[in-house]
Amino acid sequence: MSRSPSAIHADDGESVVPVPPMSRMDIIGVATATLGVLQPKRLERPGPVDVLRLIDHQLPARGVDVYPAAPKDLPGCEALTIPLGARPTVLMRGDQWRYLLQGGPRGLRARATVAHELGHVALHVPFMRRQARDRALPLTRVNRRALRAYHDPEWQAWCFAGAFLVPPHMVLSVSRGGVAAVAETFQVSRRFAHWYLRVFSGVLTSLDQELCDAHRA
């Protein structure tokens, strides 16, 4: 389910199914591997992910369908991933779908929404399908306030979205230009870029130190 990047850490009372724990570095690894399969050039040079190609061609070719949906089918959210059935399906509210096609500031938010739902597909659909296969459903939903972040599927999916749209090892030189440079280079909103630089600050510092050490060696 997708709301906004600010909801990652918000105690909004949303109920979710707890998922197996993943660290930020674990999630970055999955996001990087996924991007490497889908759009490997984005791991070679800083630039925006082609989200339209992703939903029109690449995901359907790999067994994931993405469709627009009426607001009444997505109460209270912008998008939703359905994990079970013949193929996992991502439903995206019609207005968000239009914004994605039109581009502009609202299109930036829609790009992040797609990446968030792809995070659910990559991180959580396999878990849900295993649970269904092992007859472990129904799964108990709990309030997000009761969960550690690393068990929270929404936190995990937003971390995936950040690493997918803005690969950490691609952002180091760009990030020195601040929020505006990150937003422009990777076609994310300034709000998303600000959130990214805050949440991934430790990762970026470590990568920067590794590069410095490599240059000294």
Foldseek 3Di string as FASTA:
>chain_A
DDDFPVCLPDQPFDWDFFDPFDDLVRLLVLLLVVCCVQPVVCVVAFAADPVVCCQPPVQVVVQEHEEEDACVVPPPHQKDWDLDDPGIYIYGHPVLVVCCVVDDQSVQRSLLVSQLVVQCVRPPSVVVVVCVVVVVDDGDIDRPVPDDSRRDSNNSSSSSSLCNLGPLVNCQVQCVVPLVSSCVRSVHDSVSSVSSCVVCVVVNVVSVVVVVVVVVD
